[in-house]
Structure formats: C-alpha cells, structure tokens
N, C-alpha and C. Protein backbone atom coordinates (compact mmCIF):
# COMPACT_ATOMS: atom_id res chain seq x y z
N TYR A 1 1.86 -4.37 3.16
CA TYR A 1 1.29 -5.12 1.99
C TYR A 1 2.57 -5.61 1.08
N TRP A 2 3.58 -4.51 0.96
CA TRP A 2 4.71 -4.70 0.17
C TRP A 2 5.45 -6.16 0.75
N THR A 3 5.72 -6.03 1.97
CA THR A 3 6.42 -7.23 2.76
C THR A 3 5.56 -8.60 2.54
N MET A 4 4.28 -8.43 2.36
CA MET A 4 3.57 -9.69 2.34
C MET A 4 3.52 -10.00 0.85
N GLY A 5 3.97 -9.35 -0.22
CA GLY A 5 4.19 -9.91 -1.51
C GLY A 5 3.29 -9.15 -2.58
N ALA A 6 2.50 -7.82 -2.13
CA ALA A 6 1.96 -7.18 -3.20
C ALA A 6 2.67 -6.71 -4.37
N SER A 7 2.33 -6.72 -5.35
CA SER A 7 2.82 -6.47 -6.58
C SER A 7 2.49 -5.03 -7.13
N GLY A 8 1.51 -4.51 -6.37
CA GLY A 8 0.99 -3.07 -6.76
C GLY A 8 -0.13 -2.87 -5.95
N PHE A 9 -0.74 -1.45 -6.23
CA PHE A 9 -1.81 -1.33 -5.57
C PHE A 9 -2.92 -0.40 -6.44
N GLN A 10 -4.20 -0.62 -6.40
CA GLN A 10 -5.12 0.19 -7.09
C GLN A 10 -5.86 1.06 -6.26
N LEU A 11 -5.97 2.48 -6.59
CA LEU A 11 -6.53 3.43 -5.76
C LEU A 11 -7.83 3.83 -6.64
N PHE A 12 -8.82 4.05 -5.85
CA PHE A 12 -10.05 4.45 -6.45
C PHE A 12 -10.91 5.39 -5.63
N ASN A 13 -12.17 5.70 -6.02
CA ASN A 13 -13.09 6.65 -5.42
C ASN A 13 -12.41 8.09 -5.09
N PHE A 14 -11.92 8.46 -6.20
CA PHE A 14 -11.50 9.98 -6.27
C PHE A 14 -12.62 10.74 -6.67
N ARG A 15 -12.80 12.05 -5.99
CA ARG A 15 -13.82 12.86 -6.50
C ARG A 15 -13.24 13.64 -7.51
N SER A 16 -13.91 14.20 -8.56
CA SER A 16 -13.58 14.76 -9.77
C SER A 16 -12.84 16.12 -9.36
N THR A 17 -13.27 16.55 -8.19
CA THR A 17 -12.42 17.96 -7.80
C THR A 17 -11.13 17.59 -7.33
N GLU A 18 -10.74 16.27 -7.10
CA GLU A 18 -9.35 15.97 -6.68
C GLU A 18 -8.55 15.83 -7.91
N ILE A 19 -9.11 15.74 -9.15
CA ILE A 19 -8.13 15.53 -10.21
C ILE A 19 -8.06 16.71 -11.16
N PRO A 20 -7.11 17.29 -11.68
CA PRO A 20 -5.75 16.66 -11.26
C PRO A 20 -5.20 16.75 -9.95
N PHE A 21 -4.26 15.76 -9.62
CA PHE A 21 -3.77 15.78 -8.06
C PHE A 21 -2.96 17.01 -7.68
N SER A 22 -3.12 17.27 -6.46
CA SER A 22 -2.09 18.34 -5.96
C SER A 22 -0.79 17.67 -5.80
N ASP A 23 0.18 18.67 -5.90
CA ASP A 23 1.71 18.15 -5.82
C ASP A 23 1.90 17.17 -4.70
N THR A 24 1.19 17.46 -3.42
CA THR A 24 1.42 16.61 -2.15
C THR A 24 0.68 15.34 -2.47
N LYS A 25 -0.45 15.16 -3.02
CA LYS A 25 -1.16 13.94 -3.21
C LYS A 25 -0.46 13.11 -4.49
N TYR A 26 0.19 13.85 -5.30
CA TYR A 26 0.92 13.01 -6.30
C TYR A 26 2.13 12.46 -5.77
N ARG A 27 2.82 13.12 -4.90
CA ARG A 27 4.19 12.63 -4.44
C ARG A 27 3.69 11.50 -3.45
N ILE A 28 2.69 11.53 -2.63
CA ILE A 28 2.28 10.49 -1.78
C ILE A 28 2.05 9.06 -2.61
N MET A 29 1.18 9.16 -3.69
CA MET A 29 0.95 8.12 -4.54
C MET A 29 2.16 7.66 -5.16
N ARG A 30 2.95 8.43 -5.75
CA ARG A 30 4.35 8.14 -6.33
C ARG A 30 5.14 7.31 -5.30
N ASP A 31 5.37 7.66 -4.01
CA ASP A 31 6.08 7.16 -3.04
C ASP A 31 5.60 5.75 -2.73
N LEU A 32 4.16 5.64 -2.61
CA LEU A 32 3.58 4.42 -2.22
C LEU A 32 3.90 3.38 -3.20
N ALA A 33 4.23 3.70 -4.60
CA ALA A 33 4.42 2.91 -5.45
C ALA A 33 5.97 2.29 -5.50
N ARG A 34 6.87 2.92 -4.66
CA ARG A 34 8.18 2.42 -4.65
C ARG A 34 8.68 2.36 -2.99
N PRO A 35 8.70 0.96 -2.64
CA PRO A 35 8.90 0.77 -1.22
C PRO A 35 10.29 1.64 -0.62
N ALA A 36 11.16 1.64 -1.60
CA ALA A 36 12.38 2.42 -0.93
C ALA A 36 12.12 4.04 -0.41
N CYS A 37 11.16 4.44 -1.20
CA CYS A 37 10.71 5.76 -0.81
C CYS A 37 10.03 5.84 0.57
N LEU A 38 9.51 4.80 1.01
CA LEU A 38 8.91 4.80 2.18
C LEU A 38 9.78 4.59 3.61
N ARG A 39 11.15 4.19 3.29
CA ARG A 39 11.89 3.77 4.34
C ARG A 39 12.19 4.93 5.33
N LEU A 40 12.16 6.07 5.09
CA LEU A 40 12.45 7.13 6.15
C LEU A 40 11.28 7.88 6.36
N ALA A 41 10.11 7.38 5.86
CA ALA A 41 8.79 8.22 5.93
C ALA A 41 8.19 7.78 7.28
N ASN A 42 7.52 8.58 8.04
CA ASN A 42 6.69 8.39 9.18
C ASN A 42 5.76 7.36 8.68
N LYS A 43 5.31 6.26 9.69
CA LYS A 43 4.31 5.42 9.27
C LYS A 43 3.68 4.94 10.75
N VAL A 44 2.39 4.45 10.44
CA VAL A 44 1.84 3.76 11.41
C VAL A 44 1.43 2.26 11.14
N TYR A 45 1.83 1.25 11.99
CA TYR A 45 1.39 -0.11 11.78
C TYR A 45 0.35 -0.16 12.82
N ALA A 46 -0.98 -0.83 12.27
CA ALA A 46 -2.20 -0.90 13.01
C ALA A 46 -2.61 -2.19 13.07
N ILE A 47 -3.46 -2.73 14.06
CA ILE A 47 -4.33 -4.10 13.86
C ILE A 47 -5.63 -3.36 13.58
N THR A 48 -6.23 -4.04 12.47
CA THR A 48 -7.45 -3.56 11.98
C THR A 48 -8.50 -3.97 12.78
N PRO A 49 -9.32 -3.22 13.34
CA PRO A 49 -10.39 -3.32 14.32
C PRO A 49 -11.67 -3.88 13.70
N GLY A 50 -12.49 -4.66 14.42
CA GLY A 50 -13.76 -4.91 13.88
C GLY A 50 -14.64 -3.79 13.75
N TYR A 51 -15.67 -3.90 13.15
CA TYR A 51 -16.57 -2.78 12.96
C TYR A 51 -17.96 -3.50 13.30
N TYR A 52 -19.04 -2.53 13.59
CA TYR A 52 -20.37 -2.93 14.04
C TYR A 52 -20.93 -3.53 12.72
N LEU A 53 -20.53 -3.28 11.54
CA LEU A 53 -21.25 -3.96 10.25
C LEU A 53 -20.56 -5.32 9.88
N ASP A 54 -19.62 -5.81 10.72
CA ASP A 54 -19.08 -7.00 10.32
C ASP A 54 -20.09 -8.23 10.51
N TYR A 55 -20.02 -9.10 9.52
CA TYR A 55 -20.88 -10.24 9.47
C TYR A 55 -19.93 -11.54 9.70
N GLU A 56 -19.53 -11.71 10.89
CA GLU A 56 -18.54 -12.77 11.29
C GLU A 56 -19.07 -14.05 10.94
N ASP A 57 -20.41 -14.24 10.96
CA ASP A 57 -21.14 -15.53 10.68
C ASP A 57 -21.25 -15.89 9.17
N THR A 58 -20.57 -15.14 8.34
CA THR A 58 -20.65 -15.28 6.80
C THR A 58 -19.13 -15.43 6.28
N TYR A 59 -18.65 -14.55 5.54
CA TYR A 59 -17.40 -14.55 4.75
C TYR A 59 -16.25 -13.77 5.66
N GLN A 60 -16.84 -12.99 6.43
CA GLN A 60 -15.77 -12.13 7.34
C GLN A 60 -15.21 -12.73 8.47
N TYR A 61 -13.84 -12.56 8.57
CA TYR A 61 -13.30 -13.39 9.80
C TYR A 61 -13.37 -12.52 11.01
N ARG A 62 -13.19 -13.00 12.17
CA ARG A 62 -13.23 -12.49 13.42
C ARG A 62 -11.91 -11.60 13.57
N LYS A 63 -12.07 -10.44 13.96
CA LYS A 63 -10.90 -9.27 14.18
C LYS A 63 -10.50 -9.63 15.43
N GLN A 64 -9.07 -9.23 15.56
CA GLN A 64 -8.52 -9.37 17.07
C GLN A 64 -9.09 -8.46 18.04
N LEU A 65 -9.43 -7.28 17.38
CA LEU A 65 -10.02 -6.14 18.26
C LEU A 65 -11.28 -5.69 17.79
N PRO A 66 -12.18 -5.27 18.67
CA PRO A 66 -11.87 -4.96 20.11
C PRO A 66 -11.74 -6.42 21.04
N LEU A 67 -11.07 -6.25 21.91
CA LEU A 67 -10.68 -7.46 22.79
C LEU A 67 -11.00 -7.09 24.43
N GLU A 68 -11.68 -8.07 25.01
CA GLU A 68 -12.12 -7.68 26.47
C GLU A 68 -11.07 -8.49 27.33
N ALA A 69 -10.30 -7.64 28.03
CA ALA A 69 -9.23 -8.19 28.90
C ALA A 69 -9.78 -8.20 30.41
N LYS A 70 -9.97 -9.37 30.96
CA LYS A 70 -10.62 -9.44 32.30
C LYS A 70 -9.36 -9.39 33.19
N ALA A 71 -9.54 -8.99 34.33
CA ALA A 71 -8.39 -8.97 35.55
C ALA A 71 -7.75 -10.16 35.58
N GLY A 72 -6.41 -10.11 35.39
CA GLY A 72 -5.50 -11.06 35.43
C GLY A 72 -5.40 -12.07 34.37
N GLU A 73 -6.17 -11.84 33.36
CA GLU A 73 -6.31 -12.80 32.20
C GLU A 73 -5.12 -12.34 31.05
N LEU A 74 -4.35 -13.46 30.70
CA LEU A 74 -3.31 -13.27 29.76
C LEU A 74 -4.05 -13.17 28.31
N CYS A 75 -3.65 -12.05 27.70
CA CYS A 75 -4.33 -11.62 26.19
C CYS A 75 -3.02 -11.66 25.35
N SER A 76 -3.38 -11.83 23.99
CA SER A 76 -2.33 -11.87 23.06
C SER A 76 -2.91 -10.86 21.80
N LEU A 77 -2.08 -10.28 20.97
CA LEU A 77 -2.33 -9.65 19.89
C LEU A 77 -1.20 -9.90 19.13
N ASP A 78 -1.47 -9.78 17.58
CA ASP A 78 -0.39 -10.07 16.70
C ASP A 78 -0.46 -8.79 15.78
N LEU A 79 0.67 -8.17 15.83
CA LEU A 79 0.86 -6.73 15.14
C LEU A 79 1.77 -7.11 13.80
N ILE A 80 1.47 -6.79 12.55
CA ILE A 80 2.22 -7.02 11.63
C ILE A 80 3.12 -5.79 11.42
N VAL A 81 4.32 -5.70 10.97
CA VAL A 81 5.25 -4.63 10.76
C VAL A 81 5.95 -4.93 9.31
N GLY A 82 5.64 -4.01 8.61
CA GLY A 82 6.45 -4.20 7.15
C GLY A 82 7.76 -3.85 7.11
N ASP A 83 8.43 -3.22 7.93
CA ASP A 83 9.89 -2.73 7.92
C ASP A 83 10.76 -3.52 8.98
N ASP A 84 12.12 -3.63 8.46
CA ASP A 84 13.08 -4.12 9.21
C ASP A 84 13.72 -2.89 9.89
N LEU A 85 13.31 -2.71 11.27
CA LEU A 85 13.71 -1.42 11.79
C LEU A 85 15.12 -1.35 12.17
N THR A 86 15.89 -2.66 12.26
CA THR A 86 17.28 -2.64 12.67
C THR A 86 18.08 -2.47 11.52
N GLU A 87 17.55 -2.35 10.38
CA GLU A 87 18.45 -1.93 9.14
C GLU A 87 18.38 -0.57 8.79
N GLY A 88 19.38 0.06 8.61
CA GLY A 88 19.44 1.61 8.04
C GLY A 88 19.39 2.46 9.31
N PRO A 89 19.12 3.70 9.10
CA PRO A 89 19.16 4.64 10.19
C PRO A 89 18.02 4.35 11.23
N ALA A 90 18.25 4.56 12.52
CA ALA A 90 17.30 4.16 13.44
C ALA A 90 16.05 5.21 13.50
N PRO A 91 14.80 4.86 13.69
CA PRO A 91 13.90 5.85 13.83
C PRO A 91 14.05 6.74 15.15
N ASP A 92 13.67 7.94 14.91
CA ASP A 92 13.95 8.93 16.12
C ASP A 92 13.03 8.52 17.23
N ARG A 93 11.84 7.91 17.00
CA ARG A 93 10.98 7.67 18.09
C ARG A 93 10.07 6.38 17.49
N LEU A 94 9.93 5.42 18.48
CA LEU A 94 8.80 4.37 18.27
C LEU A 94 7.91 4.18 19.51
N LEU A 95 6.60 4.41 19.30
CA LEU A 95 5.78 4.50 20.16
C LEU A 95 4.54 3.45 19.98
N LEU A 96 4.26 2.76 20.98
CA LEU A 96 3.14 1.80 20.99
C LEU A 96 1.80 2.54 21.66
N ARG A 97 0.76 2.33 20.98
CA ARG A 97 -0.59 3.12 21.68
C ARG A 97 -1.49 1.95 21.62
N LEU A 98 -2.00 1.83 22.71
CA LEU A 98 -3.20 1.03 22.93
C LEU A 98 -4.56 1.98 23.25
N GLY A 99 -5.43 1.73 22.62
CA GLY A 99 -6.70 2.31 22.69
C GLY A 99 -7.46 1.59 23.77
N LEU A 100 -7.97 2.09 24.88
CA LEU A 100 -8.58 1.41 26.11
C LEU A 100 -9.81 2.06 26.28
N ARG A 101 -10.79 1.18 26.65
CA ARG A 101 -12.27 1.48 27.19
C ARG A 101 -12.33 1.14 28.46
N ASP A 102 -12.89 2.07 29.30
CA ASP A 102 -13.06 1.57 30.86
C ASP A 102 -11.95 1.26 31.48
N ALA A 103 -10.89 2.03 31.07
CA ALA A 103 -9.58 1.68 31.90
C ALA A 103 -9.19 2.92 33.05
N SER A 104 -8.58 2.76 34.03
CA SER A 104 -8.43 3.75 35.05
C SER A 104 -6.73 3.73 35.34
N ASP A 105 -6.51 4.91 35.95
CA ASP A 105 -5.05 5.11 36.11
C ASP A 105 -4.49 4.07 37.32
N ALA A 106 -5.43 3.63 37.98
CA ALA A 106 -5.22 2.68 39.26
C ALA A 106 -4.68 1.30 38.84
N GLU A 107 -4.84 1.10 37.55
CA GLU A 107 -4.57 -0.26 36.93
C GLU A 107 -2.99 -0.51 36.82
N ARG A 108 -2.70 -1.61 36.81
CA ARG A 108 -1.11 -2.20 36.36
C ARG A 108 -1.45 -3.03 35.18
N LEU A 109 -0.27 -3.17 34.56
CA LEU A 109 -0.25 -3.63 33.24
C LEU A 109 1.05 -4.40 33.23
N GLN A 110 1.11 -5.62 32.84
CA GLN A 110 2.36 -6.36 32.43
C GLN A 110 2.25 -6.64 30.77
N LEU A 111 3.26 -6.20 30.16
CA LEU A 111 3.17 -6.09 28.70
C LEU A 111 4.51 -6.62 28.18
N ARG A 112 4.42 -7.80 27.27
CA ARG A 112 5.76 -8.31 26.61
C ARG A 112 5.47 -8.14 25.05
N LEU A 113 6.68 -7.61 24.51
CA LEU A 113 6.75 -7.53 23.16
C LEU A 113 7.69 -8.31 22.61
N ASN A 114 7.32 -9.45 21.67
CA ASN A 114 8.13 -10.55 21.32
C ASN A 114 8.94 -11.02 22.40
N GLY A 115 8.34 -11.35 23.61
CA GLY A 115 8.92 -12.01 24.74
C GLY A 115 9.60 -11.12 25.53
N GLN A 116 9.93 -9.89 25.31
CA GLN A 116 10.78 -9.11 26.20
C GLN A 116 9.75 -7.98 26.76
N VAL A 117 10.15 -7.61 28.12
CA VAL A 117 9.16 -6.88 28.73
C VAL A 117 9.32 -5.39 28.31
N LEU A 118 8.10 -4.85 27.90
CA LEU A 118 8.19 -3.50 27.50
C LEU A 118 7.51 -2.63 28.60
N HIS A 119 6.57 -3.00 29.34
CA HIS A 119 6.02 -2.26 30.50
C HIS A 119 5.59 -3.31 31.51
N GLU A 120 5.91 -2.88 32.80
CA GLU A 120 5.53 -3.77 33.93
C GLU A 120 5.11 -2.72 35.17
N GLY A 121 4.13 -2.31 35.34
CA GLY A 121 3.53 -1.64 36.54
C GLY A 121 2.60 -0.82 36.42
N ASP A 122 2.31 0.30 37.06
CA ASP A 122 1.05 1.20 36.94
C ASP A 122 1.10 1.88 35.49
N ILE A 123 -0.19 2.11 35.19
CA ILE A 123 -0.32 2.60 33.80
C ILE A 123 -0.54 4.27 33.92
N GLY A 124 -0.84 4.61 35.17
CA GLY A 124 -1.27 6.02 35.59
C GLY A 124 -0.55 7.25 34.72
N ASP A 125 0.79 7.30 34.76
CA ASP A 125 1.42 8.20 34.04
C ASP A 125 1.50 8.11 32.64
N ASP A 126 1.14 7.10 32.03
CA ASP A 126 1.26 6.73 30.63
C ASP A 126 -0.15 6.84 29.90
N LEU A 127 -1.31 6.98 30.85
CA LEU A 127 -2.69 7.00 30.26
C LEU A 127 -3.10 8.45 30.29
N VAL A 128 -3.64 8.57 28.97
CA VAL A 128 -4.13 9.92 28.35
C VAL A 128 -5.79 9.65 28.14
N SER A 129 -6.43 10.64 28.56
CA SER A 129 -7.86 10.56 27.88
C SER A 129 -8.08 10.94 26.60
N ALA A 130 -9.10 10.26 25.96
CA ALA A 130 -9.33 10.33 24.75
C ALA A 130 -10.45 11.46 24.58
N GLY A 131 -10.90 11.99 25.72
CA GLY A 131 -11.92 13.04 25.46
C GLY A 131 -13.54 12.27 25.51
N LYS A 132 -14.47 13.11 25.41
CA LYS A 132 -15.81 12.47 25.70
C LYS A 132 -16.45 12.45 24.26
N GLY A 133 -17.36 11.69 23.83
CA GLY A 133 -18.10 11.56 22.73
C GLY A 133 -17.57 10.20 21.88
N GLY A 134 -18.01 10.20 20.72
CA GLY A 134 -17.58 8.99 19.86
C GLY A 134 -18.61 7.84 20.02
N PRO A 135 -18.54 6.78 19.27
CA PRO A 135 -19.38 5.75 19.26
C PRO A 135 -19.19 4.92 20.57
N PRO A 136 -19.92 4.15 20.90
CA PRO A 136 -19.89 3.26 22.17
C PRO A 136 -18.66 2.33 22.15
N THR A 137 -17.89 2.07 20.92
CA THR A 137 -16.85 1.20 20.95
C THR A 137 -15.51 1.94 20.88
N ALA A 138 -15.60 3.47 20.77
CA ALA A 138 -14.48 4.08 20.92
C ALA A 138 -13.61 4.08 22.20
N ALA A 139 -12.43 4.22 22.12
CA ALA A 139 -11.38 4.39 23.14
C ALA A 139 -11.83 5.44 24.05
N THR A 140 -11.74 5.46 25.35
CA THR A 140 -11.99 6.42 26.30
C THR A 140 -10.58 6.96 26.76
N HIS A 141 -9.44 6.17 26.66
CA HIS A 141 -8.23 6.41 27.07
C HIS A 141 -7.18 5.92 26.17
N TYR A 142 -5.93 6.34 26.18
CA TYR A 142 -4.97 5.84 25.35
C TYR A 142 -3.59 5.58 26.22
N LEU A 143 -3.07 4.48 26.04
CA LEU A 143 -1.93 4.25 26.80
C LEU A 143 -0.70 4.31 25.67
N HIS A 144 0.16 5.30 25.90
CA HIS A 144 1.30 5.35 25.05
C HIS A 144 2.64 4.81 25.85
N LEU A 145 3.31 3.97 25.02
CA LEU A 145 4.53 3.33 25.61
C LEU A 145 5.67 3.50 24.64
N ASN A 146 6.72 4.05 25.06
CA ASN A 146 7.99 4.30 24.33
C ASN A 146 8.55 3.10 24.01
N ILE A 147 9.08 2.70 22.89
CA ILE A 147 10.04 1.65 22.54
C ILE A 147 11.36 2.05 22.39
N ASP A 148 12.19 1.80 23.40
CA ASP A 148 13.63 2.41 23.26
C ASP A 148 14.59 1.62 22.41
N ASP A 149 14.23 0.37 22.30
CA ASP A 149 15.19 -0.75 21.51
C ASP A 149 14.42 -1.14 20.36
N ARG A 150 15.00 -0.59 19.16
CA ARG A 150 14.36 -0.88 17.99
C ARG A 150 14.26 -2.38 17.56
N ARG A 151 15.35 -3.20 18.45
CA ARG A 151 15.51 -4.71 18.02
C ARG A 151 14.35 -5.43 18.77
N MET A 152 13.40 -4.83 19.58
CA MET A 152 12.39 -5.56 20.00
C MET A 152 11.23 -5.65 19.05
N ILE A 153 11.38 -5.13 17.80
CA ILE A 153 10.38 -5.02 16.76
C ILE A 153 10.95 -5.82 15.64
N GLN A 154 10.25 -6.86 15.04
CA GLN A 154 10.67 -7.49 14.09
C GLN A 154 9.97 -7.51 12.69
N ARG A 155 10.37 -7.61 11.73
CA ARG A 155 9.77 -7.51 10.45
C ARG A 155 8.77 -8.57 10.43
N GLY A 156 7.57 -8.42 10.08
CA GLY A 156 6.49 -9.63 9.90
C GLY A 156 5.61 -9.39 11.40
N HIS A 157 5.47 -10.67 11.86
CA HIS A 157 4.60 -10.81 12.89
C HIS A 157 5.34 -10.39 14.29
N ASN A 158 4.47 -9.74 15.13
CA ASN A 158 5.09 -9.10 16.42
C ASN A 158 4.07 -9.45 17.41
N SER A 159 4.33 -10.29 18.50
CA SER A 159 3.68 -10.69 19.44
C SER A 159 3.36 -9.76 20.66
N LEU A 160 2.34 -9.42 21.12
CA LEU A 160 2.12 -8.65 22.21
C LEU A 160 1.31 -9.62 23.10
N ARG A 161 1.72 -9.86 24.51
CA ARG A 161 1.15 -10.55 25.40
C ARG A 161 1.07 -9.70 26.76
N PHE A 162 -0.26 -9.73 27.12
CA PHE A 162 -0.38 -8.66 28.27
C PHE A 162 -1.44 -9.05 29.25
N ARG A 163 -1.27 -8.40 30.32
CA ARG A 163 -2.31 -8.74 31.48
C ARG A 163 -2.62 -7.55 32.18
N PHE A 164 -3.81 -7.19 32.48
CA PHE A 164 -4.13 -6.15 33.23
C PHE A 164 -4.52 -6.57 34.95
N GLN A 165 -3.89 -5.86 35.64
CA GLN A 165 -4.09 -6.16 37.13
C GLN A 165 -4.66 -5.05 37.98
N GLY A 166 -5.25 -5.34 38.99
CA GLY A 166 -5.67 -4.09 39.92
C GLY A 166 -7.18 -3.66 39.43
N ILE A 167 -7.70 -4.30 38.44
CA ILE A 167 -8.95 -3.89 38.08
C ILE A 167 -9.90 -4.82 38.81
N GLU A 168 -11.21 -4.39 39.02
CA GLU A 168 -12.07 -5.16 39.84
C GLU A 168 -12.41 -6.35 39.10
N ASP A 169 -12.84 -7.47 39.95
CA ASP A 169 -12.91 -8.85 39.23
C ASP A 169 -14.31 -8.65 38.32
N ALA A 170 -15.32 -7.86 38.60
CA ALA A 170 -16.37 -7.92 37.94
C ALA A 170 -16.17 -7.14 36.51
N ARG A 171 -15.16 -6.23 36.30
CA ARG A 171 -14.92 -5.49 35.33
C ARG A 171 -13.77 -6.09 34.38
N ALA A 172 -14.10 -5.50 33.04
CA ALA A 172 -12.74 -5.67 32.16
C ALA A 172 -12.52 -4.51 31.48
N VAL A 173 -11.22 -4.54 31.01
CA VAL A 173 -10.68 -3.23 30.23
C VAL A 173 -10.97 -3.72 28.75
N GLN A 174 -11.57 -2.98 27.78
CA GLN A 174 -11.73 -3.26 26.37
C GLN A 174 -10.43 -2.63 25.66
N VAL A 175 -9.78 -3.32 24.89
CA VAL A 175 -8.81 -2.85 24.02
C VAL A 175 -9.31 -2.69 22.77
N THR A 176 -9.42 -1.39 22.15
CA THR A 176 -10.01 -1.15 20.96
C THR A 176 -9.07 -0.89 19.96
N GLU A 177 -7.84 -0.45 20.31
CA GLU A 177 -6.82 -0.17 19.31
C GLU A 177 -5.59 -0.52 19.66
N CYS A 178 -4.51 -0.86 18.53
CA CYS A 178 -3.36 -1.32 18.94
C CYS A 178 -2.40 -0.64 17.49
N GLU A 179 -1.68 0.42 17.88
CA GLU A 179 -0.84 0.87 16.65
C GLU A 179 0.59 1.07 17.11
N LEU A 180 1.51 1.00 16.09
CA LEU A 180 2.85 1.14 16.42
C LEU A 180 3.09 2.30 15.45
N ALA A 181 3.64 3.59 15.96
CA ALA A 181 4.21 4.68 15.27
C ALA A 181 5.47 4.66 15.03
N VAL A 182 5.93 4.86 13.75
CA VAL A 182 7.52 4.92 13.63
C VAL A 182 7.65 6.32 13.12
N TYR A 183 8.50 6.98 13.76
CA TYR A 183 8.71 8.50 13.55
C TYR A 183 10.19 8.67 12.98
N PHE A 184 10.41 9.41 11.90
CA PHE A 184 11.78 9.94 11.50
C PHE A 184 11.43 11.43 11.45
N PHE A 185 12.30 12.07 12.36
CA PHE A 185 12.14 13.77 12.46
C PHE A 185 12.43 14.20 11.00
N PRO A 186 11.85 15.20 10.53
CA PRO A 186 12.26 15.83 9.15
C PRO A 186 13.87 15.92 8.97
N ARG A 187 14.21 15.54 7.73
CA ARG A 187 15.70 15.55 7.49
C ARG A 187 15.82 15.83 6.04
N PRO A 188 16.80 16.33 5.51
CA PRO A 188 16.88 16.55 3.99
C PRO A 188 16.95 15.30 3.36
N ASN A 189 16.19 15.15 2.12
CA ASN A 189 16.22 13.90 1.37
C ASN A 189 15.78 12.78 1.90
N ALA A 190 14.58 12.96 2.69
CA ALA A 190 14.13 11.73 3.35
C ALA A 190 13.10 11.12 2.34
N ILE A 191 12.71 11.81 1.52
CA ILE A 191 11.93 11.16 0.20
C ILE A 191 12.75 11.41 -0.91
N PHE A 192 12.83 10.25 -1.52
CA PHE A 192 13.70 10.12 -3.06
C PHE A 192 12.99 10.72 -3.91
N GLU A 193 13.63 11.57 -4.83
CA GLU A 193 12.98 12.22 -5.98
C GLU A 193 12.92 11.10 -7.05
N PRO A 194 12.16 11.40 -8.15
CA PRO A 194 12.12 10.44 -9.25
C PRO A 194 13.54 10.47 -10.09
C-alpha cells in the first residue's frame, strides 16, 4: 500500500483487553507507520483470494483466485510487490508458494515469473500436503519454489504465467493461494529504533 501511494493507515477493532498495547504490538504498529522500518523485515506479498461471501454481481470485483487450471491451459496471475528487492541487502530467502487443490505429484508445471523460467518439470519433490480438513475451497497441497535471483522480482506488478501438464483431461488443478515470502534472517538492528 505504501508503494501504491497510501499516506497512512487506520487500525480498528481492538478489544479493550488489548489496550494498552504490549511492547511487541506497539513496535509492529510503529514500524508499519514508517516504510523504512519495514525494509529488512520478513514479509509476505499475497494475491487476495475470493471468499464464498463475495457478491461479484454487485460492487465487488472478481478476484484472481481461486483459479481453475485445466490440463495444458496457459494461466496468468498478477502479484503486486511493494519493495524493490534489487536495492539494499539481499533477502536471505525468497519463496513463492502456490496453494493447490486436487494436485498430485505426477503433474508437471511450466512457470514463468516476469518472462523468466522459474520452474519447468515435475512438481513431485516440491509438493507438500496441506493436511486434511478445512473448507472445501482450502488448498490440499502447497508448491514451494525458491527464487534464487532477486532480479526476477520487480517492484509493482509481477506476472506469473503457468501451465500444468500431465493431469487428466477431465480434471483441473485449482490454484487457491499465491504468496511470495521475503525472509531476512535475524540480524542486529534490523528494525530501526525511534
């Protein structure tokens, strides 16, 4: 939101038992108010998924997710990233996570991030079970892909174009989540003091 021009944030719905704020909550809110404090903080950029209560026929817009990916069909997602990750210290780890429903380790994936190949081949080794339970729209598996070159990610809009292969023609893989985790391992003075 800072990147898109927000001039500040309003926070609400605090319970009376949360006020006064703990030192940890105070530091979080203080640091959210100053973008420079967030530069070396761990963060997750995510595509907002649709919810079962969305009213897309009225004022709410159609969300990118969930997305049904049929066998061989080229799909696209747009992920907004607020930082220029090519400036300053390099993150210790960049991880793209896709939440999938009805995926199997026998499938293959071609995925390009901003035109560059991020993954091409089997997903078996990178596919993790999400466990059982949850709502019918929840991911049943997660696909974790390391991003070794931070220059693949740009500040602002990032294009993901992908295609699943090896799935039966009658079936589709549902993409329910898309997140980019930016990790900075703990280091002294990562958070600026007032």
